[in-house]
């Protein structure tokens, strides 16, 4: 039903867990302590991590999960930043706060991750 709504042009959006749900997996504290959740809706490939700069443990937990293979490579955003997707493809990163960042995070093959910063358009 949600996928059909998206195909018909309905905007599907969310913040925090509302970002996470569209991906195959994520970093979340929705069920207690910060943990990996590998079973999202899968409408977007890969994994997600909101609050990248807003919660002290987020970056390390997410990168560790991606590096170990517990989560697929994916996308991390700071508080007040977002990713715009269209037809399963990333269109752009946007933010409503100067300095808010977004990253593509992938395993580097040596037990760590590569965090590639995305260009972020400030919404004014």
N, C-alpha and C. Protein backbone atom coordinates (compact mmCIF):
# COMPACT_ATOMS: atom_id res chain seq x y z
N UNK A 1 0.81 -1.18 0.00
CA UNK A 1 0.00 0.00 0.00
C UNK A 1 0.87 1.26 0.00
N UNK A 2 1.90 1.32 0.85
CA UNK A 2 2.79 2.47 0.87
C UNK A 2 3.56 2.59 -0.44
N UNK A 3 4.06 1.47 -0.94
CA UNK A 3 4.80 1.49 -2.21
C UNK A 3 3.91 1.99 -3.33
N UNK A 4 2.68 1.56 -3.36
CA UNK A 4 1.74 2.01 -4.38
C UNK A 4 1.49 3.51 -4.26
N UNK A 5 1.35 4.01 -3.05
CA UNK A 5 1.15 5.44 -2.84
C UNK A 5 2.35 6.21 -3.37
N UNK A 6 3.56 5.72 -3.09
CA UNK A 6 4.77 6.36 -3.60
C UNK A 6 4.81 6.38 -5.12
N UNK A 7 4.44 5.28 -5.74
CA UNK A 7 4.41 5.21 -7.21
C UNK A 7 3.40 6.18 -7.80
N UNK A 8 2.38 6.52 -7.04
CA UNK A 8 1.35 7.45 -7.52
C UNK A 8 1.71 8.91 -7.21
N UNK A 9 2.91 9.14 -6.66
CA UNK A 9 3.36 10.50 -6.43
C UNK A 9 3.15 11.04 -5.04
N UNK A 10 2.62 10.23 -4.13
CA UNK A 10 2.45 10.67 -2.74
C UNK A 10 3.84 10.82 -2.12
N UNK A 11 4.07 11.93 -1.43
CA UNK A 11 5.35 12.15 -0.76
C UNK A 11 5.39 11.30 0.50
N UNK A 12 6.40 10.44 0.60
CA UNK A 12 6.61 9.61 1.78
C UNK A 12 7.80 10.21 2.52
N UNK A 13 7.63 10.56 3.78
CA UNK A 13 8.67 11.27 4.50
C UNK A 13 8.71 10.84 5.95
N UNK A 14 9.75 11.26 6.64
CA UNK A 14 9.82 11.00 8.06
C UNK A 14 11.11 11.50 8.66
N UNK A 15 11.07 11.71 9.95
CA UNK A 15 12.22 12.15 10.73
C UNK A 15 12.53 11.05 11.75
N UNK A 16 13.79 10.80 11.99
CA UNK A 16 14.25 9.82 12.96
C UNK A 16 13.79 8.41 12.54
N UNK A 17 12.94 7.76 13.31
CA UNK A 17 12.45 6.44 12.92
C UNK A 17 11.69 6.52 11.60
N UNK A 18 11.13 7.69 11.32
CA UNK A 18 10.44 7.91 10.05
C UNK A 18 11.37 7.96 8.87
N UNK A 19 12.65 8.25 9.09
CA UNK A 19 13.66 8.11 8.04
C UNK A 19 14.07 6.64 7.94
N UNK A 20 14.33 6.05 9.08
CA UNK A 20 14.84 4.68 9.13
C UNK A 20 13.92 3.68 8.43
N UNK A 21 12.63 3.83 8.58
CA UNK A 21 11.70 2.78 8.17
C UNK A 21 11.77 2.46 6.69
N UNK A 22 12.14 3.41 5.84
CA UNK A 22 12.12 3.19 4.39
C UNK A 22 13.28 2.31 3.91
N UNK A 23 14.32 2.16 4.72
CA UNK A 23 15.54 1.44 4.33
C UNK A 23 15.47 -0.03 4.74
N UNK A 24 16.47 -0.79 4.29
CA UNK A 24 16.55 -2.21 4.62
C UNK A 24 16.99 -2.44 6.07
N UNK A 25 17.73 -1.50 6.63
CA UNK A 25 18.19 -1.61 8.01
C UNK A 25 18.57 -0.24 8.53
N UNK A 26 18.83 -0.16 9.85
CA UNK A 26 19.12 1.15 10.44
C UNK A 26 19.77 1.03 11.80
N UNK A 27 20.17 2.19 12.30
CA UNK A 27 20.60 2.37 13.67
C UNK A 27 19.44 3.04 14.41
N UNK A 28 18.99 2.45 15.51
CA UNK A 28 17.80 2.99 16.18
C UNK A 28 17.86 2.80 17.69
N UNK A 29 17.19 3.68 18.40
CA UNK A 29 16.96 3.49 19.83
C UNK A 29 15.46 3.46 20.11
N UNK A 30 14.68 3.18 19.07
CA UNK A 30 13.23 3.14 19.22
C UNK A 30 12.74 2.02 20.12
N UNK A 31 13.56 1.00 20.33
CA UNK A 31 13.14 -0.16 21.13
C UNK A 31 13.97 -0.31 22.40
N UNK A 32 14.66 0.75 22.81
CA UNK A 32 15.52 0.68 23.99
C UNK A 32 16.88 1.26 23.67
N UNK A 33 17.95 0.62 24.16
CA UNK A 33 19.29 1.14 23.89
C UNK A 33 19.60 1.14 22.38
N UNK A 34 20.50 2.01 21.99
CA UNK A 34 20.92 2.12 20.59
C UNK A 34 21.35 0.76 20.06
N UNK A 35 20.79 0.36 18.92
CA UNK A 35 21.06 -0.97 18.36
C UNK A 35 20.84 -0.96 16.85
N UNK A 36 21.23 -2.06 16.25
CA UNK A 36 21.03 -2.27 14.83
C UNK A 36 19.67 -2.94 14.61
N UNK A 37 18.93 -2.44 13.65
CA UNK A 37 17.67 -3.05 13.26
C UNK A 37 17.79 -3.41 11.78
N UNK A 38 17.91 -4.70 11.44
CA UNK A 38 18.19 -5.08 10.06
C UNK A 38 16.95 -5.31 9.19
N UNK A 39 15.76 -5.04 9.70
CA UNK A 39 14.57 -5.42 8.93
C UNK A 39 13.60 -4.27 8.71
N UNK A 40 14.06 -3.25 7.97
CA UNK A 40 13.19 -2.14 7.61
C UNK A 40 12.26 -2.53 6.47
N UNK A 41 11.50 -1.57 5.99
CA UNK A 41 10.57 -1.83 4.88
C UNK A 41 11.28 -2.17 3.58
N UNK A 42 12.51 -1.69 3.41
CA UNK A 42 13.28 -2.02 2.22
C UNK A 42 12.84 -1.28 0.96
N UNK A 43 12.12 -0.20 1.11
CA UNK A 43 11.73 0.58 -0.07
C UNK A 43 12.91 1.36 -0.63
N UNK A 44 13.93 1.58 0.20
CA UNK A 44 15.20 2.16 -0.24
C UNK A 44 16.31 1.17 0.11
N UNK A 45 17.25 0.99 -0.82
CA UNK A 45 18.36 0.05 -0.60
C UNK A 45 19.32 0.58 0.46
N UNK A 46 19.93 -0.33 1.18
CA UNK A 46 20.96 0.02 2.15
C UNK A 46 20.40 0.32 3.52
N UNK A 47 21.21 1.06 4.29
CA UNK A 47 20.85 1.35 5.68
C UNK A 47 20.82 2.85 5.92
N UNK A 48 20.32 3.22 7.10
CA UNK A 48 20.16 4.64 7.44
C UNK A 48 20.54 4.89 8.89
N UNK A 49 21.00 6.12 9.13
CA UNK A 49 21.30 6.54 10.49
C UNK A 49 20.96 8.02 10.64
N UNK A 50 19.88 8.35 11.35
CA UNK A 50 19.59 9.75 11.67
C UNK A 50 20.39 10.16 12.91
N UNK A 51 20.29 11.43 13.27
CA UNK A 51 20.90 11.96 14.51
C UNK A 51 22.41 11.74 14.56
N UNK A 52 23.05 11.79 13.39
CA UNK A 52 24.49 11.48 13.31
C UNK A 52 25.32 12.37 14.22
N UNK A 53 24.93 13.63 14.34
CA UNK A 53 25.65 14.54 15.23
C UNK A 53 24.88 14.82 16.52
N UNK A 54 23.68 14.32 16.63
CA UNK A 54 22.82 14.68 17.74
C UNK A 54 22.89 13.76 18.94
N UNK A 55 23.47 12.60 18.78
CA UNK A 55 23.59 11.64 19.88
C UNK A 55 25.00 11.08 19.86
N UNK A 56 25.70 11.21 20.96
CA UNK A 56 27.14 10.92 21.04
C UNK A 56 27.53 9.54 20.50
N UNK A 57 26.71 8.53 20.72
CA UNK A 57 27.08 7.16 20.35
C UNK A 57 26.72 6.79 18.91
N UNK A 58 25.89 7.60 18.26
CA UNK A 58 25.34 7.23 16.95
C UNK A 58 26.39 6.90 15.90
N UNK A 59 27.33 7.82 15.69
CA UNK A 59 28.31 7.63 14.61
C UNK A 59 29.10 6.34 14.82
N UNK A 60 29.64 6.14 16.01
CA UNK A 60 30.44 4.95 16.28
C UNK A 60 29.62 3.67 16.14
N UNK A 61 28.40 3.67 16.65
CA UNK A 61 27.56 2.47 16.57
C UNK A 61 27.22 2.15 15.12
N UNK A 62 26.82 3.17 14.35
CA UNK A 62 26.45 2.95 12.96
C UNK A 62 27.65 2.50 12.14
N UNK A 63 28.76 3.20 12.27
CA UNK A 63 29.95 2.82 11.50
C UNK A 63 30.42 1.41 11.86
N UNK A 64 30.35 1.06 13.14
CA UNK A 64 30.71 -0.30 13.55
C UNK A 64 29.81 -1.35 12.92
N UNK A 65 28.52 -1.06 12.84
CA UNK A 65 27.57 -2.01 12.24
C UNK A 65 27.79 -2.15 10.73
N UNK A 66 28.13 -1.05 10.06
CA UNK A 66 28.41 -1.11 8.63
C UNK A 66 29.75 -1.82 8.39
N UNK A 67 30.76 -1.49 9.18
CA UNK A 67 32.08 -2.11 9.02
C UNK A 67 32.02 -3.62 9.21
N UNK A 68 31.23 -4.08 10.17
CA UNK A 68 31.14 -5.52 10.48
C UNK A 68 30.24 -6.28 9.51
N UNK A 69 29.47 -5.56 8.70
CA UNK A 69 28.52 -6.21 7.80
C UNK A 69 27.17 -6.46 8.42
N UNK A 70 27.00 -6.07 9.67
CA UNK A 70 25.71 -6.22 10.33
C UNK A 70 24.64 -5.39 9.61
N UNK A 71 25.06 -4.22 9.10
CA UNK A 71 24.21 -3.38 8.25
C UNK A 71 24.91 -3.20 6.91
N UNK A 72 24.11 -3.02 5.87
CA UNK A 72 24.66 -2.69 4.56
C UNK A 72 25.18 -1.26 4.56
N UNK A 73 25.99 -0.93 3.58
CA UNK A 73 26.40 0.46 3.38
C UNK A 73 25.15 1.32 3.33
N UNK A 74 25.27 2.58 3.70
CA UNK A 74 24.07 3.41 3.72
C UNK A 74 24.35 4.87 3.91
N UNK A 75 23.40 5.52 4.54
CA UNK A 75 23.32 6.97 4.58
C UNK A 75 23.15 7.46 6.01
N UNK A 76 23.92 8.48 6.38
CA UNK A 76 23.83 9.08 7.71
C UNK A 76 23.58 10.57 7.56
N UNK A 77 22.69 11.11 8.40
CA UNK A 77 22.41 12.54 8.37
C UNK A 77 22.44 13.12 9.77
N UNK A 78 22.95 14.35 9.85
CA UNK A 78 22.91 15.10 11.10
C UNK A 78 21.48 15.52 11.38
N UNK A 79 21.24 15.95 12.61
CA UNK A 79 19.94 16.53 12.95
C UNK A 79 19.68 17.72 12.03
N UNK A 80 18.45 17.83 11.57
CA UNK A 80 17.98 18.92 10.72
C UNK A 80 18.54 18.86 9.30
N UNK A 81 18.96 17.66 8.90
CA UNK A 81 19.34 17.40 7.51
C UNK A 81 18.47 16.26 7.01
N UNK A 82 18.33 16.16 5.70
CA UNK A 82 17.47 15.12 5.12
C UNK A 82 17.97 14.74 3.74
N UNK A 83 17.51 13.58 3.27
CA UNK A 83 17.84 13.10 1.93
C UNK A 83 16.56 13.04 1.11
N UNK A 84 16.64 13.52 -0.12
CA UNK A 84 15.52 13.46 -1.04
C UNK A 84 15.78 12.35 -2.05
N UNK A 85 14.84 11.41 -2.12
CA UNK A 85 14.94 10.27 -3.03
C UNK A 85 13.79 10.35 -4.03
N UNK A 86 14.06 9.91 -5.24
CA UNK A 86 13.02 9.82 -6.26
C UNK A 86 13.25 8.54 -7.04
N UNK A 87 12.23 7.68 -7.09
CA UNK A 87 12.32 6.40 -7.80
C UNK A 87 13.53 5.57 -7.35
N UNK A 88 13.79 5.58 -6.04
CA UNK A 88 14.86 4.77 -5.48
C UNK A 88 16.26 5.33 -5.66
N UNK A 89 16.37 6.53 -6.21
CA UNK A 89 17.68 7.15 -6.44
C UNK A 89 17.80 8.42 -5.59
N UNK A 90 18.98 8.61 -5.00
CA UNK A 90 19.22 9.81 -4.21
C UNK A 90 19.29 11.02 -5.14
N UNK A 91 18.47 12.02 -4.86
CA UNK A 91 18.42 13.24 -5.66
C UNK A 91 19.33 14.31 -5.05
N UNK A 92 19.18 14.54 -3.74
CA UNK A 92 20.01 15.53 -3.07
C UNK A 92 19.88 15.42 -1.56
N UNK A 93 20.85 16.03 -0.89
CA UNK A 93 20.80 16.21 0.56
C UNK A 93 20.47 17.66 0.83
N UNK A 94 19.60 17.90 1.79
CA UNK A 94 19.18 19.25 2.14
C UNK A 94 19.26 19.42 3.66
N UNK A 95 19.28 20.69 4.09
CA UNK A 95 19.31 20.97 5.53
C UNK A 95 18.61 22.28 5.81
N UNK A 96 18.06 22.36 7.00
CA UNK A 96 17.46 23.62 7.43
C UNK A 96 18.34 24.33 8.44
N UNK A 97 19.56 23.80 8.64
CA UNK A 97 20.51 24.40 9.57
C UNK A 97 21.88 24.45 8.90
N UNK A 98 22.52 25.60 8.95
CA UNK A 98 23.88 25.75 8.44
C UNK A 98 24.80 24.74 9.13
N UNK A 99 25.60 24.05 8.36
CA UNK A 99 26.55 23.10 8.92
C UNK A 99 26.04 21.69 9.10
N UNK A 100 24.74 21.45 8.90
CA UNK A 100 24.21 20.08 9.00
C UNK A 100 24.77 19.26 7.85
N UNK A 101 25.17 18.03 8.14
CA UNK A 101 25.88 17.21 7.16
C UNK A 101 25.11 15.94 6.81
N UNK A 102 25.54 15.34 5.70
CA UNK A 102 25.02 14.04 5.27
C UNK A 102 26.19 13.26 4.67
N UNK A 103 26.15 11.93 4.83
CA UNK A 103 27.26 11.08 4.40
C UNK A 103 26.75 9.80 3.75
N UNK A 104 27.54 9.27 2.84
CA UNK A 104 27.40 7.88 2.42
C UNK A 104 28.45 7.12 3.20
N UNK A 105 28.05 6.06 3.89
CA UNK A 105 28.95 5.29 4.75
C UNK A 105 29.04 3.87 4.20
N UNK A 106 30.27 3.41 3.96
CA UNK A 106 30.46 2.05 3.42
C UNK A 106 31.69 1.41 4.05
N UNK A 107 31.72 0.08 4.09
CA UNK A 107 32.90 -0.60 4.64
C UNK A 107 34.12 -0.29 3.77
N UNK A 108 35.29 -0.18 4.41
CA UNK A 108 36.50 0.11 3.64
C UNK A 108 37.33 -1.13 3.36
N UNK A 109 36.86 -2.31 3.80
CA UNK A 109 37.57 -3.55 3.55
C UNK A 109 38.64 -3.89 4.56
N UNK A 110 38.90 -2.98 5.49
CA UNK A 110 39.93 -3.26 6.50
C UNK A 110 39.36 -3.20 7.91
N UNK A 111 38.04 -3.37 8.02
CA UNK A 111 37.39 -3.37 9.33
C UNK A 111 36.92 -2.01 9.80
N UNK A 112 36.95 -1.03 8.92
CA UNK A 112 36.50 0.32 9.27
C UNK A 112 35.53 0.78 8.18
N UNK A 113 35.20 2.05 8.16
CA UNK A 113 34.30 2.58 7.14
C UNK A 113 34.91 3.80 6.45
N UNK A 114 34.40 4.07 5.28
CA UNK A 114 34.66 5.31 4.58
C UNK A 114 33.39 6.14 4.67
N UNK A 115 33.51 7.37 5.10
CA UNK A 115 32.37 8.28 5.20
C UNK A 115 32.55 9.38 4.16
N UNK A 116 31.79 9.29 3.09
CA UNK A 116 31.90 10.26 2.01
C UNK A 116 30.88 11.37 2.23
N UNK A 117 31.34 12.60 2.46
CA UNK A 117 30.39 13.70 2.67
C UNK A 117 29.61 13.99 1.38
N UNK A 118 28.33 14.28 1.55
CA UNK A 118 27.49 14.67 0.42
C UNK A 118 27.38 16.19 0.41
N UNK A 119 27.21 16.75 -0.77
CA UNK A 119 26.92 18.17 -0.85
C UNK A 119 25.52 18.39 -0.28
N UNK A 120 25.39 19.34 0.61
CA UNK A 120 24.12 19.61 1.27
C UNK A 120 23.65 21.01 0.89
N UNK A 121 22.44 21.07 0.34
CA UNK A 121 21.84 22.37 -0.02
C UNK A 121 21.08 22.91 1.18
N UNK A 122 21.42 24.14 1.58
CA UNK A 122 20.74 24.77 2.69
C UNK A 122 19.40 25.32 2.22
N UNK A 123 18.35 24.94 2.90
CA UNK A 123 17.01 25.44 2.59
C UNK A 123 16.81 26.77 3.31
N UNK A 124 16.46 27.77 2.59
CA UNK A 124 16.30 29.10 3.20
C UNK A 124 14.89 29.57 3.02
